[in-house]
Amino acid sequence: MDAARLRRDADIAAVWSEGMRIQHALFALRARPNGLGVIRLAVAAPRSLGRAVSRNRSRRRLREAFRTAIAGLANGPGYDVVIVTRPEAAATPFPDLRAAAATALASLGRRVRTA
């Protein structure tokens, strides 16, 4: 499965208002089916994380963790996903971030199949 960037404000707002929530210690995730067969990601980092350098680093690390987790998925329905990073993500080793991303995506798949 492919991963793409979710860029339009209207798309991000739709996910935020209508999407299902998955909470994790490292991030908060909202997702909504998009019917495209592609998972599109938007990663946000609140100012409470610190200065721009640390926020950007957190965003890059989470985006890469989800990109590698998405690459391991079989083709399926597409989603628009908005991820908000939490302070704990900055100090977490990258393999743990990848595992958390894979767990969240698996949880998302289970929730959609049962709904």
C-alpha atoms as a PDB file:
ATOM      1  CA  MET A   1       0.000   0.000   0.000  1.00  0.00           C
ATOM      2  CA  ASP A   2       1.162   3.522  -0.708  1.00  0.00           C
ATOM      3  CA  ALA A   3       1.438   6.437   1.676  1.00  0.00           C
ATOM      4  CA  ALA A   4       0.866  10.010   0.585  1.00  0.00           C
ATOM      5  CA  ARG A   5       0.684  13.376   2.290  1.00  0.00           C
ATOM      6  CA  LEU A   6      -2.660  14.833   3.286  1.00  0.00           C
ATOM      7  CA  ARG A   7      -2.250  18.539   2.538  1.00  0.00           C
ATOM      8  CA  ARG A   8      -5.583  20.324   2.050  1.00  0.00           C
ATOM      9  CA  ASP A   9      -6.986  22.085   5.107  1.00  0.00           C
ATOM     10  CA  ALA A  10     -10.512  20.990   4.190  1.00  0.00           C
ATOM     11  CA  ASP A  11      -9.468  17.330   4.111  1.00  0.00           C
ATOM     12  CA  ILE A  12      -7.671  17.623   7.454  1.00  0.00           C
ATOM     13  CA  ALA A  13     -10.678  19.372   9.021  1.00  0.00           C
ATOM     14  CA  ALA A  14     -13.006  16.634   7.731  1.00  0.00           C
ATOM     15  CA  VAL A  15     -10.838  13.928   9.274  1.00  0.00           C
ATOM     16  CA  TRP A  16     -10.622  15.835  12.549  1.00  0.00           C
ATOM     17  CA  SER A  17     -14.388  16.331  12.805  1.00  0.00           C
ATOM     18  CA  GLU A  18     -15.666  13.014  11.384  1.00  0.00           C
ATOM     19  CA  GLY A  19     -12.823  10.549  11.888  1.00  0.00           C
ATOM     20  CA  MET A  20     -12.550   7.742  14.393  1.00  0.00           C
ATOM     21  CA  ARG A  21     -10.056   8.244  17.228  1.00  0.00           C
ATOM     22  CA  ILE A  22      -7.213   6.039  18.366  1.00  0.00           C
ATOM     23  CA  GLN A  23      -5.267   7.169  21.417  1.00  0.00           C
ATOM     24  CA  HIS A  24      -1.700   6.092  22.096  1.00  0.00           C
ATOM     25  CA  ALA A  25       0.902   7.250  24.620  1.00  0.00           C
ATOM     26  CA  LEU A  26       3.064   8.607  21.766  1.00  0.00           C
ATOM     27  CA  PHE A  27       0.400  10.172  19.533  1.00  0.00           C
ATOM     28  CA  ALA A  28      -3.287  10.779  18.961  1.00  0.00           C
ATOM     29  CA  LEU A  29      -4.674   9.539  15.658  1.00  0.00           C
ATOM     30  CA  ARG A  30      -7.869  10.282  13.786  1.00  0.00           C
ATOM     31  CA  ALA A  31      -8.758   8.443  10.610  1.00  0.00           C
ATOM     32  CA  ARG A  32     -11.522   8.424   8.056  1.00  0.00           C
ATOM     33  CA  PRO A  33     -12.012   6.235   4.951  1.00  0.00           C
ATOM     34  CA  ASN A  34     -11.250   8.092   1.728  1.00  0.00           C
ATOM     35  CA  GLY A  35     -12.153   5.533  -0.970  1.00  0.00           C
ATOM     36  CA  LEU A  36      -8.841   6.053  -2.795  1.00  0.00           C
ATOM     37  CA  GLY A  37      -6.942   2.883  -1.859  1.00  0.00           C
ATOM     38  CA  VAL A  38      -4.122   5.059  -0.483  1.00  0.00           C
ATOM     39  CA  ILE A  39      -3.395   6.100   3.084  1.00  0.00           C
ATOM     40  CA  ARG A  40      -2.810   9.855   3.223  1.00  0.00           C
ATOM     41  CA  LEU A  41      -1.065  11.252   6.310  1.00  0.00           C
ATOM     42  CA  ALA A  42      -0.918  14.617   8.010  1.00  0.00           C
ATOM     43  CA  VAL A  43       1.265  14.953  11.110  1.00  0.00           C
ATOM     44  CA  ALA A  44       0.859  17.843  13.533  1.00  0.00           C
ATOM     45  CA  ALA A  45       2.971  18.892  16.488  1.00  0.00           C
ATOM     46  CA  PRO A  46       1.572  21.368  19.022  1.00  0.00           C
ATOM     47  CA  ARG A  47       3.682  24.247  20.266  1.00  0.00           C
ATOM     48  CA  SER A  48       3.709  22.678  23.706  1.00  0.00           C
ATOM     49  CA  LEU A  49       6.395  20.304  22.343  1.00  0.00           C
ATOM     50  CA  GLY A  50       8.919  23.106  22.264  1.00  0.00           C
ATOM     51  CA  ARG A  51      10.675  25.109  19.622  1.00  0.00           C
ATOM     52  CA  ALA A  52      10.378  24.553  15.888  1.00  0.00           C
ATOM     53  CA  VAL A  53      13.411  22.257  15.696  1.00  0.00           C
ATOM     54  CA  SER A  54      11.966  19.749  18.155  1.00  0.00           C
ATOM     55  CA  ARG A  55       8.463  19.947  16.643  1.00  0.00           C
ATOM     56  CA  ASN A  56       9.807  19.343  13.143  1.00  0.00           C
ATOM     57  CA  ARG A  57      11.950  16.437  14.341  1.00  0.00           C
ATOM     58  CA  SER A  58       8.944  14.828  16.039  1.00  0.00           C
ATOM     59  CA  ARG A  59       6.860  15.258  12.885  1.00  0.00           C
ATOM     60  CA  ARG A  60       9.556  13.756  10.656  1.00  0.00           C
ATOM     61  CA  ARG A  61      10.089  10.764  12.949  1.00  0.00           C
ATOM     62  CA  LEU A  62       6.372   9.954  13.187  1.00  0.00           C
ATOM     63  CA  ARG A  63       5.816  10.442   9.465  1.00  0.00           C
ATOM     64  CA  GLU A  64       8.645   8.034   8.677  1.00  0.00           C
ATOM     65  CA  ALA A  65       7.437   5.494  11.257  1.00  0.00           C
ATOM     66  CA  PHE A  66       3.962   5.486   9.717  1.00  0.00           C
ATOM     67  CA  ARG A  67       5.363   5.419   6.171  1.00  0.00           C
ATOM     68  CA  THR A  68       7.310   2.234   6.897  1.00  0.00           C
ATOM     69  CA  ALA A  69       4.322   0.678   8.698  1.00  0.00           C
ATOM     70  CA  ILE A  70       2.047   1.487   5.753  1.00  0.00           C
ATOM     71  CA  ALA A  71       4.523  -0.023   3.286  1.00  0.00           C
ATOM     72  CA  GLY A  72       4.152  -3.362   5.101  1.00  0.00           C
ATOM     73  CA  LEU A  73       0.361  -3.433   4.726  1.00  0.00           C
ATOM     74  CA  ALA A  74      -1.494  -5.376   2.074  1.00  0.00           C
ATOM     75  CA  ASN A  75      -3.661  -3.375  -0.289  1.00  0.00           C
ATOM     76  CA  GLY A  76      -6.938  -2.433   1.282  1.00  0.00           C
ATOM     77  CA  PRO A  77      -9.250   0.502   1.721  1.00  0.00           C
ATOM     78  CA  GLY A  78      -7.648   3.922   1.882  1.00  0.00           C
ATOM     79  CA  TYR A  79      -7.780   6.293   4.815  1.00  0.00           C
ATOM     80  CA  ASP A  80      -7.044   9.903   5.539  1.00  0.00           C
ATOM     81  CA  VAL A  81      -5.096   9.990   8.804  1.00  0.00           C
ATOM     82  CA  VAL A  82      -4.237  12.945  11.033  1.00  0.00           C
ATOM     83  CA  ILE A  83      -1.617  12.264  13.722  1.00  0.00           C
ATOM     84  CA  VAL A  84      -0.853  14.625  16.586  1.00  0.00           C
ATOM     85  CA  THR A  85       2.460  13.889  18.224  1.00  0.00           C
ATOM     86  CA  ARG A  86       2.892  13.879  21.974  1.00  0.00           C
ATOM     87  CA  PRO A  87       6.019  14.866  23.964  1.00  0.00           C
ATOM     88  CA  GLU A  88       6.941  11.232  24.696  1.00  0.00           C
ATOM     89  CA  ALA A  89       7.468  10.579  20.962  1.00  0.00           C
ATOM     90  CA  ALA A  90      10.565  12.794  20.844  1.00  0.00           C
ATOM     91  CA  ALA A  91      12.571  10.574  23.216  1.00  0.00           C
ATOM     92  CA  THR A  92      11.212   7.206  22.081  1.00  0.00           C
ATOM     93  CA  PRO A  93      13.617   4.976  20.115  1.00  0.00           C
ATOM     94  CA  PHE A  94      12.669   4.715  16.446  1.00  0.00           C
ATOM     95  CA  PRO A  95      11.937   0.938  16.475  1.00  0.00           C
ATOM     96  CA  ASP A  96       9.388   1.577  19.236  1.00  0.00           C
ATOM     97  CA  LEU A  97       7.796   4.340  17.149  1.00  0.00           C
ATOM     98  CA  ARG A  98       7.535   1.960  14.188  1.00  0.00           C
ATOM     99  CA  ALA A  99       5.931  -0.696  16.393  1.00  0.00           C
ATOM    100  CA  ALA A 100       3.440   1.836  17.784  1.00  0.00           C
ATOM    101  CA  ALA A 101       2.557   2.962  14.251  1.00  0.00           C
ATOM    102  CA  ALA A 102       2.016  -0.624  13.096  1.00  0.00           C
ATOM    103  CA  THR A 103      -0.152  -1.328  16.142  1.00  0.00           C
ATOM    104  CA  ALA A 104      -2.261   1.771  15.511  1.00  0.00           C
ATOM    105  CA  LEU A 105      -2.776   0.896  11.840  1.00  0.00           C
ATOM    106  CA  ALA A 106      -3.724  -2.680  12.748  1.00  0.00           C
ATOM    107  CA  SER A 107      -6.206  -1.337  15.296  1.00  0.00           C
ATOM    108  CA  LEU A 108      -7.618   0.976  12.653  1.00  0.00           C
ATOM    109  CA  GLY A 109      -8.091  -1.950  10.267  1.00  0.00           C
ATOM    110  CA  ARG A 110      -9.852  -4.020  12.942  1.00  0.00           C
ATOM    111  CA  ARG A 111     -12.186  -1.163  13.867  1.00  0.00           C
ATOM    112  CA  VAL A 112     -13.203  -0.573  10.257  1.00  0.00           C
ATOM    113  CA  ARG A 113     -13.862  -4.270   9.594  1.00  0.00           C
ATOM    114  CA  THR A 114     -16.070  -4.631  12.684  1.00  0.00           C
ATOM    115  CA  ALA A 115     -18.037  -1.440  12.025  1.00  0.00           C
END
